[in-house]
């Protein structure tokens, strides 16, 4: 099924499966694909960003569960606070998933690795995010993977799509 992502400003995208089928003016894409599902966004569609700091965010920080906010707070723990935690494999995996969600909420569509912890590798693999060996700016290319973000007028990420799947949407 084809989905059109129509922003308030700029070009629209047509997504088929995990691929970017077309990029262009919304009116043209609507005319070419009259039966497509349409998602309208109050923002601008863009290529997202590459997180060069992903290893630090996912392997050298603990992202507390909301249920731990009373004792650990809500900000990621690093350094001596991280060293003081009993960081089991299970706890690390849960933290990695919450860390991936933070990255998606920041418009990340690609990460720089490698990741040494198996729990982190699993969380990243399940997200579908591309792992690169060096930073590079993501691009929107017809026929390429449908990895993009929608950014509001205030610069805040409204949505992140990875391989055609909506993985983050601001509330």
Foldseek 3Di string as FASTA:
>chain_A
DWEWEAEPDAWIFIDDQFFTADIGHPVVVCVVCVPHHYDYYDFDKFQFFEAACLQCLQPFWFQDDPVCCVPLNGDIDGDPVVVPDPCDLVSSLVRLLVSVQVRQQLRHQAYEDDHDRPSNVVSCVVVQRHYDPDGDGGHRDNGDGPWIFGAHPVRGTQWTAYSNRTPDGDD
